[in-house]
mmCIF file of all heavy atoms, coordinates in Angstrom:
data_MODEL
# 
_entry.id   MODEL 
# 
loop_
_atom_site.group_PDB 
_atom_site.id 
_atom_site.type_symbol 
_atom_site.label_atom_id 
_atom_site.label_alt_id 
_atom_site.label_comp_id 
_atom_site.label_asym_id 
_atom_site.label_entity_id 
_atom_site.label_seq_id 
_atom_site.pdbx_PDB_ins_code 
_atom_site.Cartn_x 
_atom_site.Cartn_y 
_atom_site.Cartn_z 
_atom_site.occupancy 
_atom_site.B_iso_or_equiv 
_atom_site.pdbx_formal_charge 
_atom_site.auth_seq_id 
_atom_site.auth_comp_id 
_atom_site.auth_asym_id 
_atom_site.auth_atom_id 
_atom_site.pdbx_PDB_model_num 
ATOM 1   N N   . LEU A 1 1  ? 16.732 -118.013 79.119 1.00 0.00 ? 1  LEU A N   1 
ATOM 2   C CA  . LEU A 1 1  ? 17.591 -117.098 78.517 1.00 0.00 ? 1  LEU A CA  1 
ATOM 3   C C   . LEU A 1 1  ? 16.977 -115.717 78.381 1.00 0.00 ? 1  LEU A C   1 
ATOM 4   O O   . LEU A 1 1  ? 17.708 -114.713 78.431 1.00 0.00 ? 1  LEU A O   1 
ATOM 5   C CB  . LEU A 1 1  ? 18.070 -117.668 77.189 1.00 0.00 ? 1  LEU A CB  1 
ATOM 6   C CG  . LEU A 1 1  ? 18.947 -118.831 77.198 1.00 0.00 ? 1  LEU A CG  1 
ATOM 7   C CD1 . LEU A 1 1  ? 19.278 -119.274 75.747 1.00 0.00 ? 1  LEU A CD1 1 
ATOM 8   C CD2 . LEU A 1 1  ? 20.325 -118.551 77.845 1.00 0.00 ? 1  LEU A CD2 1 
ATOM 9   N N   . ALA A 1 2  ? 15.702 -115.716 78.285 1.00 0.00 ? 2  ALA A N   1 
ATOM 10  C CA  . ALA A 1 2  ? 14.995 -114.429 78.099 1.00 0.00 ? 2  ALA A CA  1 
ATOM 11  C C   . ALA A 1 2  ? 14.451 -113.867 79.466 1.00 0.00 ? 2  ALA A C   1 
ATOM 12  O O   . ALA A 1 2  ? 13.794 -112.868 79.422 1.00 0.00 ? 2  ALA A O   1 
ATOM 13  C CB  . ALA A 1 2  ? 13.885 -114.540 77.127 1.00 0.00 ? 2  ALA A CB  1 
ATOM 14  N N   . GLY A 1 3  ? 14.699 -114.568 80.543 1.00 0.00 ? 3  GLY A N   1 
ATOM 15  C CA  . GLY A 1 3  ? 14.314 -114.138 81.828 1.00 0.00 ? 3  GLY A CA  1 
ATOM 16  C C   . GLY A 1 3  ? 12.977 -114.669 82.303 1.00 0.00 ? 3  GLY A C   1 
ATOM 17  O O   . GLY A 1 3  ? 12.439 -114.179 83.325 1.00 0.00 ? 3  GLY A O   1 
ATOM 18  N N   . PHE A 1 4  ? 12.425 -115.685 81.651 1.00 0.00 ? 4  PHE A N   1 
ATOM 19  C CA  . PHE A 1 4  ? 11.101 -116.235 82.045 1.00 0.00 ? 4  PHE A CA  1 
ATOM 20  C C   . PHE A 1 4  ? 11.296 -117.433 82.991 1.00 0.00 ? 4  PHE A C   1 
ATOM 21  O O   . PHE A 1 4  ? 12.345 -118.103 82.960 1.00 0.00 ? 4  PHE A O   1 
ATOM 22  C CB  . PHE A 1 4  ? 10.384 -116.729 80.820 1.00 0.00 ? 4  PHE A CB  1 
ATOM 23  C CG  . PHE A 1 4  ? 9.833  -115.603 79.898 1.00 0.00 ? 4  PHE A CG  1 
ATOM 24  C CD1 . PHE A 1 4  ? 10.510 -115.333 78.733 1.00 0.00 ? 4  PHE A CD1 1 
ATOM 25  C CD2 . PHE A 1 4  ? 8.679  -114.954 80.188 1.00 0.00 ? 4  PHE A CD2 1 
ATOM 26  C CE1 . PHE A 1 4  ? 9.965  -114.233 77.898 1.00 0.00 ? 4  PHE A CE1 1 
ATOM 27  C CE2 . PHE A 1 4  ? 8.142  -113.962 79.404 1.00 0.00 ? 4  PHE A CE2 1 
ATOM 28  C CZ  . PHE A 1 4  ? 8.863  -113.682 78.241 1.00 0.00 ? 4  PHE A CZ  1 
ATOM 29  N N   . GLU A 1 5  ? 10.194 -117.739 83.632 1.00 0.00 ? 5  GLU A N   1 
ATOM 30  C CA  . GLU A 1 5  ? 10.117 -118.945 84.419 1.00 0.00 ? 5  GLU A CA  1 
ATOM 31  C C   . GLU A 1 5  ? 8.873  -119.692 83.863 1.00 0.00 ? 5  GLU A C   1 
ATOM 32  O O   . GLU A 1 5  ? 7.831  -119.072 83.559 1.00 0.00 ? 5  GLU A O   1 
ATOM 33  C CB  . GLU A 1 5  ? 10.011 -118.668 85.868 1.00 0.00 ? 5  GLU A CB  1 
ATOM 34  C CG  . GLU A 1 5  ? 11.189 -118.051 86.595 1.00 0.00 ? 5  GLU A CG  1 
ATOM 35  C CD  . GLU A 1 5  ? 10.967 -117.843 88.082 1.00 0.00 ? 5  GLU A CD  1 
ATOM 36  O OE1 . GLU A 1 5  ? 9.856  -117.960 88.534 1.00 0.00 ? 5  GLU A OE1 1 
ATOM 37  O OE2 . GLU A 1 5  ? 11.938 -117.398 88.719 1.00 0.00 ? 5  GLU A OE2 1 
ATOM 38  N N   . LEU A 1 6  ? 8.918  -121.034 83.878 1.00 0.00 ? 6  LEU A N   1 
ATOM 39  C CA  . LEU A 1 6  ? 7.702  -121.839 83.458 1.00 0.00 ? 6  LEU A CA  1 
ATOM 40  C C   . LEU A 1 6  ? 6.695  -121.754 84.589 1.00 0.00 ? 6  LEU A C   1 
ATOM 41  O O   . LEU A 1 6  ? 6.968  -122.209 85.713 1.00 0.00 ? 6  LEU A O   1 
ATOM 42  C CB  . LEU A 1 6  ? 8.190  -123.276 83.180 1.00 0.00 ? 6  LEU A CB  1 
ATOM 43  C CG  . LEU A 1 6  ? 7.006  -124.227 82.778 1.00 0.00 ? 6  LEU A CG  1 
ATOM 44  C CD1 . LEU A 1 6  ? 6.379  -123.798 81.440 1.00 0.00 ? 6  LEU A CD1 1 
ATOM 45  C CD2 . LEU A 1 6  ? 7.502  -125.682 82.717 1.00 0.00 ? 6  LEU A CD2 1 
ATOM 46  N N   . GLU A 1 7  ? 5.510  -121.319 84.281 1.00 0.00 ? 7  GLU A N   1 
ATOM 47  C CA  . GLU A 1 7  ? 4.446  -121.183 85.240 1.00 0.00 ? 7  GLU A CA  1 
ATOM 48  C C   . GLU A 1 7  ? 3.529  -122.419 85.230 1.00 0.00 ? 7  GLU A C   1 
ATOM 49  O O   . GLU A 1 7  ? 3.167  -122.979 86.243 1.00 0.00 ? 7  GLU A O   1 
ATOM 50  C CB  . GLU A 1 7  ? 3.616  -119.929 85.053 1.00 0.00 ? 7  GLU A CB  1 
ATOM 51  C CG  . GLU A 1 7  ? 2.474  -119.714 86.055 1.00 0.00 ? 7  GLU A CG  1 
ATOM 52  C CD  . GLU A 1 7  ? 1.726  -118.386 85.831 1.00 0.00 ? 7  GLU A CD  1 
ATOM 53  O OE1 . GLU A 1 7  ? 0.982  -118.311 84.876 1.00 0.00 ? 7  GLU A OE1 1 
ATOM 54  O OE2 . GLU A 1 7  ? 1.913  -117.531 86.702 1.00 0.00 ? 7  GLU A OE2 1 
ATOM 55  N N   . SER A 1 8  ? 3.254  -122.891 84.027 1.00 0.00 ? 8  SER A N   1 
ATOM 56  C CA  . SER A 1 8  ? 2.449  -124.094 83.908 1.00 0.00 ? 8  SER A CA  1 
ATOM 57  C C   . SER A 1 8  ? 2.630  -124.736 82.494 1.00 0.00 ? 8  SER A C   1 
ATOM 58  O O   . SER A 1 8  ? 2.999  -124.055 81.550 1.00 0.00 ? 8  SER A O   1 
ATOM 59  C CB  . SER A 1 8  ? 0.902  -123.755 84.089 1.00 0.00 ? 8  SER A CB  1 
ATOM 60  O OG  . SER A 1 8  ? 0.415  -122.917 83.096 1.00 0.00 ? 8  SER A OG  1 
ATOM 61  N N   . ARG A 1 9  ? 2.344  -126.014 82.386 1.00 0.00 ? 9  ARG A N   1 
ATOM 62  C CA  . ARG A 1 9  ? 2.275  -126.671 81.093 1.00 0.00 ? 9  ARG A CA  1 
ATOM 63  C C   . ARG A 1 9  ? 1.138  -127.727 81.116 1.00 0.00 ? 9  ARG A C   1 
ATOM 64  O O   . ARG A 1 9  ? 1.061  -128.557 82.008 1.00 0.00 ? 9  ARG A O   1 
ATOM 65  C CB  . ARG A 1 9  ? 3.609  -127.314 80.803 1.00 0.00 ? 9  ARG A CB  1 
ATOM 66  C CG  . ARG A 1 9  ? 3.578  -128.268 79.541 1.00 0.00 ? 9  ARG A CG  1 
ATOM 67  C CD  . ARG A 1 9  ? 4.999  -128.670 79.080 1.00 0.00 ? 9  ARG A CD  1 
ATOM 68  N NE  . ARG A 1 9  ? 5.765  -127.490 78.622 1.00 0.00 ? 9  ARG A NE  1 
ATOM 69  C CZ  . ARG A 1 9  ? 7.101  -127.260 78.922 1.00 0.00 ? 9  ARG A CZ  1 
ATOM 70  N NH1 . ARG A 1 9  ? 7.648  -128.052 79.784 1.00 0.00 ? 9  ARG A NH1 1 
ATOM 71  N NH2 . ARG A 1 9  ? 7.656  -126.236 78.386 1.00 0.00 ? 9  ARG A NH2 1 
ATOM 72  N N   . HIS A 1 10 ? 0.306  -127.623 80.070 1.00 0.00 ? 10 HIS A N   1 
ATOM 73  C CA  . HIS A 1 10 ? -0.788 -128.626 79.977 1.00 0.00 ? 10 HIS A CA  1 
ATOM 74  C C   . HIS A 1 10 ? -0.841 -129.222 78.564 1.00 0.00 ? 10 HIS A C   1 
ATOM 75  O O   . HIS A 1 10 ? -0.174 -128.512 77.676 1.00 0.00 ? 10 HIS A O   1 
ATOM 76  C CB  . HIS A 1 10 ? -2.129 -127.954 80.344 1.00 0.00 ? 10 HIS A CB  1 
ATOM 77  C CG  . HIS A 1 10 ? -2.269 -127.566 81.771 1.00 0.00 ? 10 HIS A CG  1 
ATOM 78  N ND1 . HIS A 1 10 ? -1.914 -126.239 82.165 1.00 0.00 ? 10 HIS A ND1 1 
ATOM 79  C CD2 . HIS A 1 10 ? -2.665 -128.235 82.819 1.00 0.00 ? 10 HIS A CD2 1 
ATOM 80  C CE1 . HIS A 1 10 ? -2.103 -126.202 83.519 1.00 0.00 ? 10 HIS A CE1 1 
ATOM 81  N NE2 . HIS A 1 10 ? -2.591 -127.381 83.908 1.00 0.00 ? 10 HIS A NE2 1 
ATOM 82  N N   . ALA A 1 11 ? -1.519 -130.234 78.373 1.00 0.00 ? 11 ALA A N   1 
ATOM 83  C CA  . ALA A 1 11 ? -1.567 -130.846 77.052 1.00 0.00 ? 11 ALA A CA  1 
ATOM 84  C C   . ALA A 1 11 ? -2.478 -130.114 76.055 1.00 0.00 ? 11 ALA A C   1 
ATOM 85  O O   . ALA A 1 11 ? -2.337 -130.316 74.842 1.00 0.00 ? 11 ALA A O   1 
ATOM 86  C CB  . ALA A 1 11 ? -2.031 -132.323 77.188 1.00 0.00 ? 11 ALA A CB  1 
ATOM 87  N N   . ASP A 1 12 ? -3.321 -129.275 76.630 1.00 0.00 ? 12 ASP A N   1 
ATOM 88  C CA  . ASP A 1 12 ? -4.299 -128.524 75.829 1.00 0.00 ? 12 ASP A CA  1 
ATOM 89  C C   . ASP A 1 12 ? -4.690 -127.304 76.567 1.00 0.00 ? 12 ASP A C   1 
ATOM 90  O O   . ASP A 1 12 ? -4.321 -127.063 77.700 1.00 0.00 ? 12 ASP A O   1 
ATOM 91  C CB  . ASP A 1 12 ? -5.419 -129.368 75.371 1.00 0.00 ? 12 ASP A CB  1 
ATOM 92  C CG  . ASP A 1 12 ? -5.987 -128.963 74.000 1.00 0.00 ? 12 ASP A CG  1 
ATOM 93  O OD1 . ASP A 1 12 ? -5.884 -127.817 73.623 1.00 0.00 ? 12 ASP A OD1 1 
ATOM 94  O OD2 . ASP A 1 12 ? -6.623 -129.883 73.348 1.00 0.00 ? 12 ASP A OD2 1 
ATOM 95  N N   . TRP A 1 13 ? -5.588 -126.501 75.975 1.00 0.00 ? 13 TRP A N   1 
ATOM 96  C CA  . TRP A 1 13 ? -6.084 -125.303 76.500 1.00 0.00 ? 13 TRP A CA  1 
ATOM 97  C C   . TRP A 1 13 ? -7.186 -125.555 77.626 1.00 0.00 ? 13 TRP A C   1 
ATOM 98  O O   . TRP A 1 13 ? -7.542 -124.688 78.439 1.00 0.00 ? 13 TRP A O   1 
ATOM 99  C CB  . TRP A 1 13 ? -6.801 -124.472 75.526 1.00 0.00 ? 13 TRP A CB  1 
ATOM 100 C CG  . TRP A 1 13 ? -5.844 -123.892 74.432 1.00 0.00 ? 13 TRP A CG  1 
ATOM 101 C CD1 . TRP A 1 13 ? -5.599 -124.488 73.260 1.00 0.00 ? 13 TRP A CD1 1 
ATOM 102 C CD2 . TRP A 1 13 ? -4.987 -122.803 74.554 1.00 0.00 ? 13 TRP A CD2 1 
ATOM 103 N NE1 . TRP A 1 13 ? -4.707 -123.805 72.513 1.00 0.00 ? 13 TRP A NE1 1 
ATOM 104 C CE2 . TRP A 1 13 ? -4.218 -122.665 73.318 1.00 0.00 ? 13 TRP A CE2 1 
ATOM 105 C CE3 . TRP A 1 13 ? -4.723 -121.846 75.487 1.00 0.00 ? 13 TRP A CE3 1 
ATOM 106 C CZ2 . TRP A 1 13 ? -3.308 -121.682 73.095 1.00 0.00 ? 13 TRP A CZ2 1 
ATOM 107 C CZ3 . TRP A 1 13 ? -3.758 -120.808 75.311 1.00 0.00 ? 13 TRP A CZ3 1 
ATOM 108 C CH2 . TRP A 1 13 ? -3.124 -120.791 74.061 1.00 0.00 ? 13 TRP A CH2 1 
ATOM 109 N N   . ASP A 1 14 ? -7.538 -126.863 77.765 1.00 0.00 ? 14 ASP A N   1 
ATOM 110 C CA  . ASP A 1 14 ? -8.571 -127.213 78.817 1.00 0.00 ? 14 ASP A CA  1 
ATOM 111 C C   . ASP A 1 14 ? -7.970 -127.661 80.040 1.00 0.00 ? 14 ASP A C   1 
ATOM 112 O O   . ASP A 1 14 ? -8.657 -128.269 80.908 1.00 0.00 ? 14 ASP A O   1 
ATOM 113 C CB  . ASP A 1 14 ? -9.509 -128.198 78.215 1.00 0.00 ? 14 ASP A CB  1 
ATOM 114 C CG  . ASP A 1 14 ? -8.799 -129.465 77.814 1.00 0.00 ? 14 ASP A CG  1 
ATOM 115 O OD1 . ASP A 1 14 ? -7.557 -129.596 77.974 1.00 0.00 ? 14 ASP A OD1 1 
ATOM 116 O OD2 . ASP A 1 14 ? -9.480 -130.371 77.315 1.00 0.00 ? 14 ASP A OD2 1 
ATOM 117 N N   . PHE A 1 15 ? -6.653 -127.472 80.359 1.00 0.00 ? 15 PHE A N   1 
ATOM 118 C CA  . PHE A 1 15 ? -5.977 -127.841 81.553 1.00 0.00 ? 15 PHE A CA  1 
ATOM 119 C C   . PHE A 1 15 ? -5.770 -129.346 81.622 1.00 0.00 ? 15 PHE A C   1 
ATOM 120 O O   . PHE A 1 15 ? -5.400 -129.831 82.724 1.00 0.00 ? 15 PHE A O   1 
ATOM 121 C CB  . PHE A 1 15 ? -6.645 -127.406 82.764 1.00 0.00 ? 15 PHE A CB  1 
ATOM 122 C CG  . PHE A 1 15 ? -6.730 -125.830 82.848 1.00 0.00 ? 15 PHE A CG  1 
ATOM 123 C CD1 . PHE A 1 15 ? -7.875 -125.116 82.468 1.00 0.00 ? 15 PHE A CD1 1 
ATOM 124 C CD2 . PHE A 1 15 ? -5.638 -125.102 83.377 1.00 0.00 ? 15 PHE A CD2 1 
ATOM 125 C CE1 . PHE A 1 15 ? -7.954 -123.738 82.547 1.00 0.00 ? 15 PHE A CE1 1 
ATOM 126 C CE2 . PHE A 1 15 ? -5.722 -123.657 83.497 1.00 0.00 ? 15 PHE A CE2 1 
ATOM 127 C CZ  . PHE A 1 15 ? -6.911 -123.044 83.127 1.00 0.00 ? 15 PHE A CZ  1 
ATOM 128 N N   . SER A 1 16 ? -5.876 -130.111 80.534 1.00 0.00 ? 16 SER A N   1 
ATOM 129 C CA  . SER A 1 16 ? -5.600 -131.523 80.629 1.00 0.00 ? 16 SER A CA  1 
ATOM 130 C C   . SER A 1 16 ? -4.092 -131.762 80.923 1.00 0.00 ? 16 SER A C   1 
ATOM 131 O O   . SER A 1 16 ? -3.267 -130.958 80.532 1.00 0.00 ? 16 SER A O   1 
ATOM 132 C CB  . SER A 1 16 ? -5.969 -132.218 79.283 1.00 0.00 ? 16 SER A CB  1 
ATOM 133 O OG  . SER A 1 16 ? -5.425 -131.583 78.189 1.00 0.00 ? 16 SER A OG  1 
ATOM 134 N N   . GLU A 1 17 ? -3.864 -132.845 81.623 1.00 0.00 ? 17 GLU A N   1 
ATOM 135 C CA  . GLU A 1 17 ? -2.467 -133.120 82.031 1.00 0.00 ? 17 GLU A CA  1 
ATOM 136 C C   . GLU A 1 17 ? -1.516 -133.382 80.923 1.00 0.00 ? 17 GLU A C   1 
ATOM 137 O O   . GLU A 1 17 ? -1.863 -134.097 79.991 1.00 0.00 ? 17 GLU A O   1 
ATOM 138 C CB  . GLU A 1 17 ? -2.470 -134.361 82.957 1.00 0.00 ? 17 GLU A CB  1 
ATOM 139 C CG  . GLU A 1 17 ? -1.091 -134.727 83.568 1.00 0.00 ? 17 GLU A CG  1 
ATOM 140 C CD  . GLU A 1 17 ? -1.166 -135.923 84.349 1.00 0.00 ? 17 GLU A CD  1 
ATOM 141 O OE1 . GLU A 1 17 ? -2.178 -136.598 84.477 1.00 0.00 ? 17 GLU A OE1 1 
ATOM 142 O OE2 . GLU A 1 17 ? -0.061 -136.231 84.967 1.00 0.00 ? 17 GLU A OE2 1 
ATOM 143 N N   . PHE A 1 18 ? -0.321 -132.799 80.955 1.00 0.00 ? 18 PHE A N   1 
ATOM 144 C CA  . PHE A 1 18 ? 0.730  -133.042 79.963 1.00 0.00 ? 18 PHE A CA  1 
ATOM 145 C C   . PHE A 1 18 ? 1.510  -134.303 80.427 1.00 0.00 ? 18 PHE A C   1 
ATOM 146 O O   . PHE A 1 18 ? 1.989  -134.356 81.573 1.00 0.00 ? 18 PHE A O   1 
ATOM 147 C CB  . PHE A 1 18 ? 1.702  -131.800 79.871 1.00 0.00 ? 18 PHE A CB  1 
ATOM 148 C CG  . PHE A 1 18 ? 2.757  -132.080 78.888 1.00 0.00 ? 18 PHE A CG  1 
ATOM 149 C CD1 . PHE A 1 18 ? 2.531  -131.967 77.540 1.00 0.00 ? 18 PHE A CD1 1 
ATOM 150 C CD2 . PHE A 1 18 ? 4.068  -132.365 79.386 1.00 0.00 ? 18 PHE A CD2 1 
ATOM 151 C CE1 . PHE A 1 18 ? 3.558  -132.171 76.562 1.00 0.00 ? 18 PHE A CE1 1 
ATOM 152 C CE2 . PHE A 1 18 ? 5.087  -132.507 78.416 1.00 0.00 ? 18 PHE A CE2 1 
ATOM 153 C CZ  . PHE A 1 18 ? 4.831  -132.387 77.056 1.00 0.00 ? 18 PHE A CZ  1 
ATOM 154 N N   . THR A 1 19 ? 1.551  -135.259 79.544 1.00 0.00 ? 19 THR A N   1 
ATOM 155 C CA  . THR A 1 19 ? 2.208  -136.563 79.892 1.00 0.00 ? 19 THR A CA  1 
ATOM 156 C C   . THR A 1 19 ? 3.216  -136.942 78.747 1.00 0.00 ? 19 THR A C   1 
ATOM 157 O O   . THR A 1 19 ? 3.330  -136.189 77.720 1.00 0.00 ? 19 THR A O   1 
ATOM 158 C CB  . THR A 1 19 ? 1.192  -137.690 79.969 1.00 0.00 ? 19 THR A CB  1 
ATOM 159 O OG1 . THR A 1 19 ? 0.706  -138.034 78.658 1.00 0.00 ? 19 THR A OG1 1 
ATOM 160 C CG2 . THR A 1 19 ? 0.028  -137.348 80.909 1.00 0.00 ? 19 THR A CG2 1 
ATOM 161 N N   . ALA A 1 20 ? 3.837  -138.004 78.948 1.00 0.00 ? 20 ALA A N   1 
ATOM 162 C CA  . ALA A 1 20 ? 4.811  -138.515 77.926 1.00 0.00 ? 20 ALA A CA  1 
ATOM 163 C C   . ALA A 1 20 ? 4.061  -138.881 76.597 1.00 0.00 ? 20 ALA A C   1 
ATOM 164 O O   . ALA A 1 20 ? 4.752  -138.937 75.550 1.00 0.00 ? 20 ALA A O   1 
ATOM 165 C CB  . ALA A 1 20 ? 5.568  -139.704 78.466 1.00 0.00 ? 20 ALA A CB  1 
ATOM 166 N N   . GLU A 1 21 ? 2.854  -139.095 76.648 1.00 0.00 ? 21 GLU A N   1 
ATOM 167 C CA  . GLU A 1 21 ? 2.063  -139.456 75.456 1.00 0.00 ? 21 GLU A CA  1 
ATOM 168 C C   . GLU A 1 21 ? 1.368  -138.249 74.829 1.00 0.00 ? 21 GLU A C   1 
ATOM 169 O O   . GLU A 1 21 ? 0.815  -138.381 73.717 1.00 0.00 ? 21 GLU A O   1 
ATOM 170 C CB  . GLU A 1 21 ? 0.996  -140.490 75.770 1.00 0.00 ? 21 GLU A CB  1 
ATOM 171 C CG  . GLU A 1 21 ? 1.583  -141.724 76.427 1.00 0.00 ? 21 GLU A CG  1 
ATOM 172 C CD  . GLU A 1 21 ? 2.623  -142.409 75.633 1.00 0.00 ? 21 GLU A CD  1 
ATOM 173 O OE1 . GLU A 1 21 ? 2.442  -142.450 74.379 1.00 0.00 ? 21 GLU A OE1 1 
ATOM 174 O OE2 . GLU A 1 21 ? 3.586  -142.807 76.220 1.00 0.00 ? 21 GLU A OE2 1 
ATOM 175 N N   . SER A 1 22 ? 1.511  -137.008 75.317 1.00 0.00 ? 22 SER A N   1 
ATOM 176 C CA  . SER A 1 22 ? 0.838  -135.850 74.812 1.00 0.00 ? 22 SER A CA  1 
ATOM 177 C C   . SER A 1 22 ? 1.474  -135.438 73.478 1.00 0.00 ? 22 SER A C   1 
ATOM 178 O O   . SER A 1 22 ? 2.719  -135.532 73.314 1.00 0.00 ? 22 SER A O   1 
ATOM 179 C CB  . SER A 1 22 ? 0.938  -134.642 75.762 1.00 0.00 ? 22 SER A CB  1 
ATOM 180 O OG  . SER A 1 22 ? 0.362  -134.899 77.027 1.00 0.00 ? 22 SER A OG  1 
ATOM 181 N N   . ARG A 1 23 ? 0.623  -135.069 72.591 1.00 0.00 ? 23 ARG A N   1 
ATOM 182 C CA  . ARG A 1 23 ? 1.107  -134.726 71.185 1.00 0.00 ? 23 ARG A CA  1 
ATOM 183 C C   . ARG A 1 23 ? 1.313  -133.222 71.097 1.00 0.00 ? 23 ARG A C   1 
ATOM 184 O O   . ARG A 1 23 ? 1.791  -132.773 69.997 1.00 0.00 ? 23 ARG A O   1 
ATOM 185 C CB  . ARG A 1 23 ? 0.105  -135.211 70.120 1.00 0.00 ? 23 ARG A CB  1 
ATOM 186 C CG  . ARG A 1 23 ? 0.035  -136.703 70.088 1.00 0.00 ? 23 ARG A CG  1 
ATOM 187 C CD  . ARG A 1 23 ? -0.897 -137.223 69.007 1.00 0.00 ? 23 ARG A CD  1 
ATOM 188 N NE  . ARG A 1 23 ? -0.456 -136.691 67.624 1.00 0.00 ? 23 ARG A NE  1 
ATOM 189 C CZ  . ARG A 1 23 ? -1.136 -136.888 66.511 1.00 0.00 ? 23 ARG A CZ  1 
ATOM 190 N NH1 . ARG A 1 23 ? -2.294 -137.544 66.613 1.00 0.00 ? 23 ARG A NH1 1 
ATOM 191 N NH2 . ARG A 1 23 ? -0.680 -136.523 65.433 1.00 0.00 ? 23 ARG A NH2 1 
ATOM 192 N N   . SER A 1 24 ? 0.906  -132.499 72.032 1.00 0.00 ? 24 SER A N   1 
ATOM 193 C CA  . SER A 1 24 ? 1.126  -130.995 72.031 1.00 0.00 ? 24 SER A CA  1 
ATOM 194 C C   . SER A 1 24 ? 1.090  -130.462 73.444 1.00 0.00 ? 24 SER A C   1 
ATOM 195 O O   . SER A 1 24 ? 0.809  -131.244 74.360 1.00 0.00 ? 24 SER A O   1 
ATOM 196 C CB  . SER A 1 24 ? -0.024 -130.387 71.223 1.00 0.00 ? 24 SER A CB  1 
ATOM 197 O OG  . SER A 1 24 ? -1.301 -130.535 71.808 1.00 0.00 ? 24 SER A OG  1 
# 
């Protein structure tokens, strides 16, 4: 809605993989 596109998503700042079990 604000004109952005998702570039990346990780589970933490260390580039760990975001999964269904990720808490953040």
